[in-house]
Amino acid sequence: MTGFLRPLLLAALLAAAAVPAGAADDMARTHPTSIHELSTDQLFEMLKVAPSEAAAKPAEAEILRRLGQSGSDTVDLFMSWAVSAINDEEYGAALDVLDRVVTLEPGYVEGWNKRATVHFAQKEYGKSIADIERVLRIEPRHFGALVGLGLILKEMEENENAISAFKAALDVYPHLEKAREFLEELQKEEAGKSI
């Protein structure tokens, strides 16, 4: 695996996006309801129809915040330990904790998502894909997991499947610029093969 792809997938699966200064104020002016009061379906619809990346950021941030909520103090504590271990590249320790998280809360999407990240970091692509599949069963619109899946498939040189994953991510969130760049790169590569 190239050193270039690993940080991108880790960022795609781990990072919660920052809301640009003023974006929340703009959203409040155009949407009188607080973003926190919108349903998750409404937030995903906002991602789809936002005219720009900046306009989509408040919905993205709220979606990621909601996906990160486990509803359990114990799971939240375990997740903080896991994230710390991942950041320190202590993947064995992170897996030990994440295995407990997915056992305690099998419906908690971020437990599976973080575990997929660790498997990816260890180049255990099959295990990472299996965990991403669990993520997508719980939340099929999880754009970070879709991008992560695309990166893994790209690394495995399964370009057609990677293209499908990136397209799926962009269907959910059209302003994912890195996903668009990867998609265009793969499409050019595939077009070159047919010449």
N, C-alpha and C. Protein backbone atom coordinates (compact mmCIF):
# COMPACT_ATOMS: atom_id res chain seq x y z
N MET A 1 0.84 -1.17 0.00
CA MET A 1 0.00 0.00 0.00
C MET A 1 0.88 1.23 0.00
N THR A 2 0.49 2.20 -0.77
CA THR A 2 1.29 3.42 -0.81
C THR A 2 1.09 4.18 0.48
N GLY A 3 2.11 4.91 0.86
CA GLY A 3 2.01 5.74 2.06
C GLY A 3 0.99 6.84 1.89
N PHE A 4 0.63 7.14 0.65
CA PHE A 4 -0.31 8.21 0.35
C PHE A 4 -1.74 7.82 0.71
N LEU A 5 -2.13 6.55 0.46
CA LEU A 5 -3.51 6.16 0.66
C LEU A 5 -3.87 5.94 2.12
N ARG A 6 -2.96 5.40 2.91
CA ARG A 6 -3.28 5.08 4.31
C ARG A 6 -3.77 6.31 5.07
N PRO A 7 -3.07 7.46 5.04
CA PRO A 7 -3.58 8.61 5.79
C PRO A 7 -4.93 9.09 5.28
N LEU A 8 -5.17 8.96 3.96
CA LEU A 8 -6.44 9.41 3.43
C LEU A 8 -7.59 8.58 3.96
N LEU A 9 -7.42 7.25 3.99
CA LEU A 9 -8.50 6.42 4.51
C LEU A 9 -8.68 6.66 6.00
N LEU A 10 -7.58 6.76 6.72
CA LEU A 10 -7.70 7.02 8.15
C LEU A 10 -8.45 8.32 8.39
N ALA A 11 -8.13 9.33 7.59
CA ALA A 11 -8.82 10.61 7.74
C ALA A 11 -10.29 10.48 7.37
N ALA A 12 -10.57 9.74 6.31
CA ALA A 12 -11.95 9.58 5.86
C ALA A 12 -12.79 8.85 6.90
N LEU A 13 -12.21 7.88 7.57
CA LEU A 13 -12.97 7.08 8.52
C LEU A 13 -12.96 7.64 9.93
N LEU A 14 -11.96 8.45 10.27
CA LEU A 14 -11.83 8.93 11.64
C LEU A 14 -12.31 10.35 11.86
N ALA A 15 -11.97 11.24 10.94
CA ALA A 15 -12.09 12.67 11.23
C ALA A 15 -13.53 13.14 11.16
N ALA A 16 -13.88 13.94 12.11
CA ALA A 16 -15.14 14.67 12.04
C ALA A 16 -14.81 16.01 11.41
N ALA A 17 -15.58 16.40 10.40
CA ALA A 17 -15.26 17.61 9.67
C ALA A 17 -15.53 18.85 10.51
N ALA A 18 -14.67 19.82 10.36
CA ALA A 18 -14.86 21.10 11.05
C ALA A 18 -15.85 21.94 10.26
N VAL A 19 -16.67 22.65 10.95
CA VAL A 19 -17.62 23.54 10.30
C VAL A 19 -16.92 24.87 10.05
N PRO A 20 -16.88 25.32 8.78
CA PRO A 20 -16.21 26.58 8.49
C PRO A 20 -16.86 27.74 9.25
N ALA A 21 -16.02 28.70 9.61
CA ALA A 21 -16.52 29.87 10.33
C ALA A 21 -17.64 30.52 9.52
N GLY A 22 -18.73 30.78 10.17
CA GLY A 22 -19.85 31.45 9.52
C GLY A 22 -20.82 30.52 8.84
N ALA A 23 -20.44 29.28 8.58
CA ALA A 23 -21.33 28.36 7.86
C ALA A 23 -22.58 28.07 8.68
N ALA A 24 -22.41 27.87 9.98
CA ALA A 24 -23.57 27.60 10.83
C ALA A 24 -24.52 28.80 10.84
N ASP A 25 -23.95 30.02 10.85
CA ASP A 25 -24.79 31.22 10.81
C ASP A 25 -25.56 31.30 9.50
N ASP A 26 -24.87 30.98 8.38
CA ASP A 26 -25.54 30.98 7.09
C ASP A 26 -26.69 29.99 7.07
N MET A 27 -26.44 28.79 7.65
CA MET A 27 -27.46 27.77 7.69
C MET A 27 -28.64 28.23 8.54
N ALA A 28 -28.35 28.88 9.64
CA ALA A 28 -29.42 29.36 10.53
C ALA A 28 -30.29 30.39 9.82
N ARG A 29 -29.67 31.24 8.99
CA ARG A 29 -30.44 32.25 8.27
C ARG A 29 -31.33 31.61 7.21
N THR A 30 -30.81 30.59 6.52
CA THR A 30 -31.59 29.99 5.44
C THR A 30 -32.51 28.88 5.95
N HIS A 31 -32.23 28.34 7.13
CA HIS A 31 -33.05 27.29 7.72
C HIS A 31 -33.40 27.70 9.15
N PRO A 32 -34.61 28.22 9.36
CA PRO A 32 -34.95 28.73 10.68
C PRO A 32 -34.90 27.66 11.77
N THR A 33 -35.09 26.41 11.41
CA THR A 33 -35.00 25.33 12.40
C THR A 33 -33.53 25.08 12.69
N SER A 34 -33.22 24.84 13.96
CA SER A 34 -31.85 24.51 14.32
C SER A 34 -31.45 23.21 13.62
N ILE A 35 -30.22 23.16 13.19
CA ILE A 35 -29.73 21.95 12.51
C ILE A 35 -29.83 20.74 13.41
N HIS A 36 -29.76 20.96 14.71
CA HIS A 36 -29.86 19.87 15.68
C HIS A 36 -31.27 19.31 15.77
N GLU A 37 -32.25 20.07 15.28
CA GLU A 37 -33.64 19.63 15.34
C GLU A 37 -34.06 18.87 14.09
N LEU A 38 -33.24 18.89 13.06
CA LEU A 38 -33.59 18.19 11.83
C LEU A 38 -33.40 16.70 11.99
N SER A 39 -34.17 15.93 11.25
CA SER A 39 -34.01 14.48 11.27
C SER A 39 -32.74 14.12 10.51
N THR A 40 -32.25 12.94 10.76
CA THR A 40 -31.06 12.48 10.04
C THR A 40 -31.35 12.41 8.54
N ASP A 41 -32.55 12.00 8.17
CA ASP A 41 -32.91 11.97 6.75
C ASP A 41 -32.85 13.37 6.14
N GLN A 42 -33.33 14.36 6.89
CA GLN A 42 -33.26 15.74 6.39
C GLN A 42 -31.81 16.20 6.23
N LEU A 43 -30.97 15.82 7.17
CA LEU A 43 -29.55 16.19 7.08
C LEU A 43 -28.89 15.57 5.85
N PHE A 44 -29.18 14.30 5.59
CA PHE A 44 -28.61 13.67 4.40
C PHE A 44 -29.15 14.32 3.13
N GLU A 45 -30.41 14.74 3.16
CA GLU A 45 -30.98 15.44 2.00
C GLU A 45 -30.26 16.78 1.80
N MET A 46 -29.93 17.45 2.90
CA MET A 46 -29.19 18.71 2.80
C MET A 46 -27.82 18.49 2.14
N LEU A 47 -27.17 17.38 2.48
CA LEU A 47 -25.88 17.08 1.84
C LEU A 47 -26.04 16.97 0.34
N LYS A 48 -27.13 16.33 -0.08
CA LYS A 48 -27.36 16.09 -1.50
C LYS A 48 -27.63 17.37 -2.28
N VAL A 49 -28.35 18.29 -1.68
CA VAL A 49 -28.81 19.47 -2.43
C VAL A 49 -28.00 20.73 -2.13
N ALA A 50 -27.05 20.65 -1.22
CA ALA A 50 -26.27 21.84 -0.88
C ALA A 50 -25.57 22.38 -2.13
N PRO A 51 -25.62 23.69 -2.34
CA PRO A 51 -25.01 24.26 -3.54
C PRO A 51 -23.48 24.30 -3.51
N SER A 52 -22.90 24.13 -2.33
CA SER A 52 -21.45 24.19 -2.22
C SER A 52 -20.99 23.34 -1.05
N GLU A 53 -19.69 23.09 -1.00
CA GLU A 53 -19.12 22.34 0.11
C GLU A 53 -19.35 23.09 1.42
N ALA A 54 -19.15 24.39 1.41
CA ALA A 54 -19.34 25.18 2.63
C ALA A 54 -20.78 25.09 3.13
N ALA A 55 -21.73 25.09 2.21
CA ALA A 55 -23.14 25.00 2.60
C ALA A 55 -23.48 23.62 3.15
N ALA A 56 -22.74 22.59 2.73
CA ALA A 56 -22.99 21.22 3.19
C ALA A 56 -22.35 20.93 4.54
N LYS A 57 -21.33 21.69 4.91
CA LYS A 57 -20.54 21.38 6.12
C LYS A 57 -21.35 21.29 7.41
N PRO A 58 -22.31 22.19 7.66
CA PRO A 58 -23.07 22.04 8.91
C PRO A 58 -23.83 20.71 8.98
N ALA A 59 -24.43 20.30 7.86
CA ALA A 59 -25.14 19.01 7.84
C ALA A 59 -24.16 17.86 8.03
N GLU A 60 -23.01 17.94 7.36
CA GLU A 60 -21.98 16.90 7.51
C GLU A 60 -21.54 16.78 8.97
N ALA A 61 -21.26 17.92 9.59
CA ALA A 61 -20.79 17.91 10.97
C ALA A 61 -21.84 17.32 11.91
N GLU A 62 -23.11 17.66 11.69
CA GLU A 62 -24.17 17.13 12.55
C GLU A 62 -24.37 15.63 12.33
N ILE A 63 -24.27 15.18 11.09
CA ILE A 63 -24.37 13.74 10.81
C ILE A 63 -23.25 13.00 11.51
N LEU A 64 -22.04 13.49 11.38
CA LEU A 64 -20.89 12.83 12.01
C LEU A 64 -21.02 12.84 13.53
N ARG A 65 -21.55 13.92 14.07
CA ARG A 65 -21.76 13.99 15.52
C ARG A 65 -22.75 12.91 15.95
N ARG A 66 -23.85 12.78 15.20
CA ARG A 66 -24.86 11.79 15.55
C ARG A 66 -24.33 10.36 15.39
N LEU A 67 -23.58 10.12 14.33
CA LEU A 67 -23.02 8.79 14.14
C LEU A 67 -22.05 8.43 15.27
N GLY A 68 -21.41 9.44 15.84
CA GLY A 68 -20.46 9.21 16.91
C GLY A 68 -21.09 8.98 18.27
N GLN A 69 -22.39 9.21 18.40
CA GLN A 69 -23.06 9.04 19.69
C GLN A 69 -23.43 7.58 19.90
N SER A 70 -22.92 7.01 20.98
CA SER A 70 -23.24 5.61 21.26
C SER A 70 -24.43 5.47 22.19
N GLY A 71 -24.68 6.47 23.03
CA GLY A 71 -25.72 6.36 24.02
C GLY A 71 -25.28 5.60 25.27
N SER A 72 -24.00 5.25 25.34
CA SER A 72 -23.49 4.50 26.49
C SER A 72 -22.19 5.14 26.97
N ASP A 73 -22.15 5.48 28.25
CA ASP A 73 -20.92 6.06 28.82
C ASP A 73 -19.75 5.08 28.71
N THR A 74 -20.03 3.80 28.90
CA THR A 74 -18.98 2.78 28.81
C THR A 74 -18.42 2.72 27.40
N VAL A 75 -19.30 2.67 26.40
CA VAL A 75 -18.85 2.61 25.01
C VAL A 75 -18.11 3.89 24.64
N ASP A 76 -18.60 5.03 25.10
CA ASP A 76 -17.91 6.29 24.82
C ASP A 76 -16.49 6.27 25.39
N LEU A 77 -16.34 5.74 26.60
CA LEU A 77 -15.01 5.63 27.20
C LEU A 77 -14.13 4.70 26.39
N PHE A 78 -14.67 3.54 26.01
CA PHE A 78 -13.91 2.60 25.19
C PHE A 78 -13.50 3.24 23.86
N MET A 79 -14.41 4.01 23.26
CA MET A 79 -14.10 4.65 21.99
C MET A 79 -12.98 5.67 22.15
N SER A 80 -12.98 6.39 23.26
CA SER A 80 -11.89 7.36 23.48
C SER A 80 -10.56 6.63 23.61
N TRP A 81 -10.55 5.48 24.28
CA TRP A 81 -9.33 4.68 24.39
C TRP A 81 -8.91 4.17 23.00
N ALA A 82 -9.87 3.71 22.22
CA ALA A 82 -9.57 3.18 20.90
C ALA A 82 -8.97 4.26 19.99
N VAL A 83 -9.59 5.43 19.98
CA VAL A 83 -9.09 6.52 19.14
C VAL A 83 -7.68 6.92 19.57
N SER A 84 -7.44 6.97 20.87
CA SER A 84 -6.10 7.28 21.36
C SER A 84 -5.10 6.22 20.90
N ALA A 85 -5.48 4.96 20.99
CA ALA A 85 -4.59 3.87 20.54
C ALA A 85 -4.35 3.96 19.03
N ILE A 86 -5.38 4.27 18.26
CA ILE A 86 -5.22 4.41 16.80
C ILE A 86 -4.26 5.56 16.51
N ASN A 87 -4.45 6.68 17.17
CA ASN A 87 -3.57 7.83 16.94
C ASN A 87 -2.12 7.51 17.29
N ASP A 88 -1.92 6.63 18.27
CA ASP A 88 -0.56 6.21 18.66
C ASP A 88 -0.07 5.00 17.86
N GLU A 89 -0.88 4.58 16.88
CA GLU A 89 -0.57 3.42 16.04
C GLU A 89 -0.39 2.14 16.85
N GLU A 90 -1.12 2.05 17.95
CA GLU A 90 -1.15 0.84 18.78
C GLU A 90 -2.39 0.04 18.37
N TYR A 91 -2.29 -0.58 17.20
CA TYR A 91 -3.46 -1.19 16.58
C TYR A 91 -3.97 -2.42 17.32
N GLY A 92 -3.08 -3.20 17.92
CA GLY A 92 -3.53 -4.35 18.69
C GLY A 92 -4.39 -3.93 19.86
N ALA A 93 -3.95 -2.91 20.58
CA ALA A 93 -4.72 -2.40 21.72
C ALA A 93 -6.06 -1.82 21.24
N ALA A 94 -6.03 -1.10 20.12
CA ALA A 94 -7.26 -0.52 19.58
C ALA A 94 -8.25 -1.63 19.23
N LEU A 95 -7.76 -2.70 18.61
CA LEU A 95 -8.66 -3.80 18.24
C LEU A 95 -9.26 -4.47 19.47
N ASP A 96 -8.46 -4.65 20.51
CA ASP A 96 -8.98 -5.25 21.74
C ASP A 96 -10.17 -4.46 22.26
N VAL A 97 -10.04 -3.15 22.27
CA VAL A 97 -11.11 -2.29 22.78
C VAL A 97 -12.29 -2.28 21.82
N LEU A 98 -12.02 -2.18 20.52
CA LEU A 98 -13.10 -2.11 19.54
C LEU A 98 -13.88 -3.41 19.46
N ASP A 99 -13.21 -4.53 19.69
CA ASP A 99 -13.94 -5.81 19.74
C ASP A 99 -14.98 -5.77 20.86
N ARG A 100 -14.62 -5.16 21.98
CA ARG A 100 -15.57 -5.02 23.10
C ARG A 100 -16.72 -4.08 22.72
N VAL A 101 -16.36 -2.99 22.02
CA VAL A 101 -17.39 -2.02 21.63
C VAL A 101 -18.44 -2.68 20.75
N VAL A 102 -18.02 -3.41 19.72
CA VAL A 102 -19.01 -4.00 18.80
C VAL A 102 -19.78 -5.15 19.45
N THR A 103 -19.19 -5.75 20.48
CA THR A 103 -19.92 -6.78 21.23
C THR A 103 -20.97 -6.13 22.13
N LEU A 104 -20.59 -5.06 22.82
CA LEU A 104 -21.53 -4.36 23.71
C LEU A 104 -22.66 -3.67 22.95
N GLU A 105 -22.30 -3.03 21.83
CA GLU A 105 -23.27 -2.23 21.06
C GLU A 105 -23.16 -2.57 19.57
N PRO A 106 -23.68 -3.74 19.16
CA PRO A 106 -23.53 -4.14 17.75
C PRO A 106 -24.23 -3.22 16.76
N GLY A 107 -25.14 -2.40 17.22
CA GLY A 107 -25.81 -1.45 16.33
C GLY A 107 -25.16 -0.08 16.27
N TYR A 108 -24.03 0.06 16.95
CA TYR A 108 -23.32 1.35 16.99
C TYR A 108 -22.37 1.42 15.80
N VAL A 109 -22.71 2.23 14.84
CA VAL A 109 -22.02 2.28 13.56
C VAL A 109 -20.53 2.64 13.69
N GLU A 110 -20.20 3.55 14.59
CA GLU A 110 -18.80 3.99 14.66
C GLU A 110 -17.87 2.96 15.28
N GLY A 111 -18.40 2.02 16.06
CA GLY A 111 -17.56 0.93 16.54
C GLY A 111 -17.03 0.11 15.37
N TRP A 112 -17.93 -0.23 14.46
CA TRP A 112 -17.54 -0.99 13.26
C TRP A 112 -16.64 -0.14 12.36
N ASN A 113 -16.97 1.14 12.24
CA ASN A 113 -16.20 2.02 11.37
C ASN A 113 -14.76 2.16 11.85
N LYS A 114 -14.58 2.37 13.15
CA LYS A 114 -13.22 2.49 13.68
C LYS A 114 -12.46 1.18 13.56
N ARG A 115 -13.17 0.06 13.77
CA ARG A 115 -12.51 -1.23 13.64
C ARG A 115 -12.08 -1.46 12.19
N ALA A 116 -12.90 -1.03 11.24
CA ALA A 116 -12.52 -1.11 9.82
C ALA A 116 -11.25 -0.31 9.56
N THR A 117 -11.14 0.84 10.21
CA THR A 117 -9.96 1.69 10.07
C THR A 117 -8.71 0.98 10.56
N VAL A 118 -8.83 0.32 11.70
CA VAL A 118 -7.68 -0.40 12.26
C VAL A 118 -7.28 -1.56 11.36
N HIS A 119 -8.26 -2.31 10.88
CA HIS A 119 -7.94 -3.42 9.98
C HIS A 119 -7.25 -2.90 8.72
N PHE A 120 -7.71 -1.76 8.21
CA PHE A 120 -7.08 -1.16 7.04
C PHE A 120 -5.62 -0.80 7.35
N ALA A 121 -5.42 -0.18 8.49
CA ALA A 121 -4.06 0.24 8.88
C ALA A 121 -3.13 -0.97 8.98
N GLN A 122 -3.69 -2.13 9.31
CA GLN A 122 -2.89 -3.35 9.42
C GLN A 122 -2.85 -4.13 8.11
N LYS A 123 -3.39 -3.52 7.05
CA LYS A 123 -3.44 -4.13 5.72
C LYS A 123 -4.25 -5.42 5.70
N GLU A 124 -5.21 -5.49 6.59
CA GLU A 124 -6.16 -6.61 6.65
C GLU A 124 -7.41 -6.19 5.89
N TYR A 125 -7.29 -6.14 4.56
CA TYR A 125 -8.35 -5.55 3.75
C TYR A 125 -9.66 -6.32 3.82
N GLY A 126 -9.58 -7.64 3.84
CA GLY A 126 -10.81 -8.43 3.92
C GLY A 126 -11.58 -8.14 5.20
N LYS A 127 -10.86 -8.05 6.32
CA LYS A 127 -11.51 -7.74 7.60
C LYS A 127 -12.06 -6.32 7.59
N SER A 128 -11.32 -5.41 6.98
CA SER A 128 -11.80 -4.02 6.91
C SER A 128 -13.08 -3.95 6.08
N ILE A 129 -13.10 -4.64 4.96
CA ILE A 129 -14.30 -4.64 4.12
C ILE A 129 -15.48 -5.26 4.87
N ALA A 130 -15.24 -6.34 5.61
CA ALA A 130 -16.32 -6.97 6.38
C ALA A 130 -16.91 -5.98 7.39
N ASP A 131 -16.06 -5.21 8.05
CA ASP A 131 -16.56 -4.22 9.00
C ASP A 131 -17.27 -3.08 8.30
N ILE A 132 -16.78 -2.67 7.15
CA ILE A 132 -17.46 -1.62 6.38
C ILE A 132 -18.84 -2.11 5.95
N GLU A 133 -18.94 -3.38 5.59
CA GLU A 133 -20.25 -3.92 5.24
C GLU A 133 -21.22 -3.82 6.42
N ARG A 134 -20.72 -4.06 7.64
CA ARG A 134 -21.57 -3.90 8.83
C ARG A 134 -21.99 -2.44 8.99
N VAL A 135 -21.04 -1.53 8.79
CA VAL A 135 -21.35 -0.09 8.86
C VAL A 135 -22.49 0.23 7.89
N LEU A 136 -22.36 -0.24 6.66
CA LEU A 136 -23.32 0.11 5.62
C LEU A 136 -24.67 -0.59 5.81
N ARG A 137 -24.70 -1.71 6.54
CA ARG A 137 -25.98 -2.32 6.88
C ARG A 137 -26.72 -1.45 7.89
N ILE A 138 -25.96 -0.85 8.79
CA ILE A 138 -26.57 0.01 9.81
C ILE A 138 -26.94 1.37 9.23
N GLU A 139 -26.01 1.96 8.46
CA GLU A 139 -26.24 3.27 7.84
C GLU A 139 -25.69 3.26 6.42
N PRO A 140 -26.54 2.91 5.45
CA PRO A 140 -26.08 2.79 4.05
C PRO A 140 -25.55 4.10 3.45
N ARG A 141 -25.86 5.22 4.10
CA ARG A 141 -25.42 6.52 3.58
C ARG A 141 -24.13 7.00 4.24
N HIS A 142 -23.43 6.12 4.95
CA HIS A 142 -22.19 6.51 5.66
C HIS A 142 -21.12 6.80 4.60
N PHE A 143 -21.00 8.07 4.25
CA PHE A 143 -20.12 8.47 3.15
C PHE A 143 -18.65 8.19 3.46
N GLY A 144 -18.24 8.29 4.71
CA GLY A 144 -16.85 7.98 5.07
C GLY A 144 -16.53 6.52 4.82
N ALA A 145 -17.46 5.64 5.18
CA ALA A 145 -17.25 4.21 4.95
C ALA A 145 -17.24 3.89 3.46
N LEU A 146 -18.08 4.57 2.69
CA LEU A 146 -18.10 4.34 1.24
C LEU A 146 -16.79 4.78 0.60
N VAL A 147 -16.27 5.92 1.04
CA VAL A 147 -14.97 6.38 0.52
C VAL A 147 -13.88 5.39 0.94
N GLY A 148 -13.91 4.97 2.20
CA GLY A 148 -12.94 3.99 2.69
C GLY A 148 -12.99 2.71 1.88
N LEU A 149 -14.19 2.24 1.58
CA LEU A 149 -14.35 1.04 0.76
C LEU A 149 -13.73 1.26 -0.62
N GLY A 150 -13.99 2.42 -1.19
CA GLY A 150 -13.41 2.74 -2.50
C GLY A 150 -11.90 2.72 -2.47
N LEU A 151 -11.31 3.26 -1.43
CA LEU A 151 -9.85 3.29 -1.32
C LEU A 151 -9.26 1.89 -1.17
N ILE A 152 -9.94 1.05 -0.38
CA ILE A 152 -9.46 -0.32 -0.22
C ILE A 152 -9.54 -1.06 -1.55
N LEU A 153 -10.67 -0.93 -2.23
CA LEU A 153 -10.84 -1.62 -3.52
C LEU A 153 -9.85 -1.09 -4.55
N LYS A 154 -9.58 0.19 -4.51
CA LYS A 154 -8.58 0.78 -5.40
C LYS A 154 -7.22 0.17 -5.12
N GLU A 155 -6.89 0.05 -3.85
CA GLU A 155 -5.61 -0.54 -3.46
C GLU A 155 -5.51 -2.00 -3.89
N MET A 156 -6.64 -2.69 -3.89
CA MET A 156 -6.68 -4.09 -4.30
C MET A 156 -6.78 -4.24 -5.82
N GLU A 157 -6.76 -3.09 -6.51
CA GLU A 157 -6.85 -3.03 -7.97
C GLU A 157 -8.16 -3.59 -8.50
N GLU A 158 -9.20 -3.45 -7.71
CA GLU A 158 -10.56 -3.78 -8.14
C GLU A 158 -11.23 -2.48 -8.55
N ASN A 159 -10.74 -1.93 -9.67
CA ASN A 159 -11.12 -0.57 -10.06
C ASN A 159 -12.61 -0.38 -10.32
N GLU A 160 -13.24 -1.35 -10.96
CA GLU A 160 -14.67 -1.18 -11.25
C GLU A 160 -15.47 -1.09 -9.96
N ASN A 161 -15.15 -1.95 -8.99
CA ASN A 161 -15.85 -1.90 -7.70
C ASN A 161 -15.50 -0.63 -6.94
N ALA A 162 -14.26 -0.18 -7.04
CA ALA A 162 -13.86 1.07 -6.39
C ALA A 162 -14.63 2.24 -7.00
N ILE A 163 -14.76 2.25 -8.31
CA ILE A 163 -15.53 3.30 -8.98
C ILE A 163 -16.96 3.31 -8.45
N SER A 164 -17.56 2.14 -8.30
CA SER A 164 -18.93 2.05 -7.78
C SER A 164 -19.01 2.61 -6.36
N ALA A 165 -18.03 2.31 -5.53
CA ALA A 165 -18.03 2.80 -4.15
C ALA A 165 -17.91 4.33 -4.12
N PHE A 166 -17.00 4.88 -4.93
CA PHE A 166 -16.86 6.34 -4.96
C PHE A 166 -18.12 7.01 -5.50
N LYS A 167 -18.75 6.40 -6.51
CA LYS A 167 -20.01 6.95 -7.02
C LYS A 167 -21.09 6.93 -5.95
N ALA A 168 -21.14 5.84 -5.19
CA ALA A 168 -22.14 5.74 -4.12
C ALA A 168 -21.91 6.83 -3.08
N ALA A 169 -20.64 7.08 -2.71
CA ALA A 169 -20.32 8.14 -1.76
C ALA A 169 -20.76 9.49 -2.30
N LEU A 170 -20.51 9.73 -3.58
CA LEU A 170 -20.87 11.01 -4.18
C LEU A 170 -22.38 11.15 -4.37
N ASP A 171 -23.09 10.04 -4.51
CA ASP A 171 -24.55 10.10 -4.56
C ASP A 171 -25.10 10.60 -3.22
N VAL A 172 -24.46 10.19 -2.14
CA VAL A 172 -24.88 10.62 -0.81
C VAL A 172 -24.43 12.06 -0.54
N TYR A 173 -23.20 12.36 -0.93
CA TYR A 173 -22.57 13.65 -0.58
C TYR A 173 -21.77 14.14 -1.79
N PRO A 174 -22.43 14.86 -2.70
CA PRO A 174 -21.79 15.28 -3.95
C PRO A 174 -20.56 16.18 -3.79
N HIS A 175 -20.37 16.80 -2.63
CA HIS A 175 -19.24 17.71 -2.45
C HIS A 175 -18.03 17.05 -1.78
N LEU A 176 -17.94 15.74 -1.85
CA LEU A 176 -16.75 15.04 -1.34
C LEU A 176 -15.67 15.11 -2.42
N GLU A 177 -14.86 16.15 -2.37
CA GLU A 177 -13.91 16.40 -3.44
C GLU A 177 -12.87 15.30 -3.60
N LYS A 178 -12.36 14.74 -2.49
CA LYS A 178 -11.37 13.66 -2.60
C LYS A 178 -11.98 12.45 -3.30
N ALA A 179 -13.24 12.13 -2.97
CA ALA A 179 -13.91 11.01 -3.63
C ALA A 179 -14.03 11.28 -5.13
N ARG A 180 -14.36 12.52 -5.47
CA ARG A 180 -14.47 12.88 -6.88
C ARG A 180 -13.11 12.76 -7.59
N GLU A 181 -12.05 13.20 -6.92
CA GLU A 181 -10.70 13.08 -7.51
C GLU A 181 -10.32 11.63 -7.74
N PHE A 182 -10.58 10.78 -6.74
CA PHE A 182 -10.27 9.35 -6.89
C PHE A 182 -11.10 8.73 -8.01
N LEU A 183 -12.37 9.09 -8.07
CA LEU A 183 -13.25 8.57 -9.11
C LEU A 183 -12.73 8.95 -10.50
N GLU A 184 -12.41 10.23 -10.68
CA GLU A 184 -11.92 10.69 -11.98
C GLU A 184 -10.60 10.01 -12.35
N GLU A 185 -9.72 9.83 -11.37
CA GLU A 185 -8.44 9.15 -11.61
C GLU A 185 -8.67 7.72 -12.08
N LEU A 186 -9.57 7.01 -11.40
CA LEU A 186 -9.85 5.62 -11.78
C LEU A 186 -10.54 5.53 -13.13
N GLN A 187 -11.44 6.45 -13.40
CA GLN A 187 -12.13 6.44 -14.69
C GLN A 187 -11.14 6.67 -15.84
N LYS A 188 -10.19 7.57 -15.64
CA LYS A 188 -9.16 7.81 -16.66
C LYS A 188 -8.30 6.56 -16.85
N GLU A 189 -7.95 5.94 -15.71
CA GLU A 189 -7.14 4.73 -15.77
C GLU A 189 -7.86 3.62 -16.53
N GLU A 190 -9.14 3.45 -16.25
CA GLU A 190 -9.92 2.41 -16.92
C GLU A 190 -10.11 2.74 -18.40
N ALA A 191 -10.30 4.03 -18.72
CA ALA A 191 -10.42 4.43 -20.11
C ALA A 191 -9.13 4.15 -20.87
N GLY A 192 -7.99 4.37 -20.21
CA GLY A 192 -6.69 4.09 -20.83
C GLY A 192 -6.50 2.61 -21.12
N LYS A 193 -7.07 1.74 -20.30
CA LYS A 193 -6.94 0.29 -20.50
C LYS A 193 -7.70 -0.16 -21.74
N SER A 194 -8.78 0.55 -22.07
CA SER A 194 -9.62 0.12 -23.19
C SER A 194 -9.08 0.61 -24.54
N ILE A 195 -8.02 1.41 -24.50
CA ILE A 195 -7.46 1.93 -25.77
C ILE A 195 -6.50 0.91 -26.34
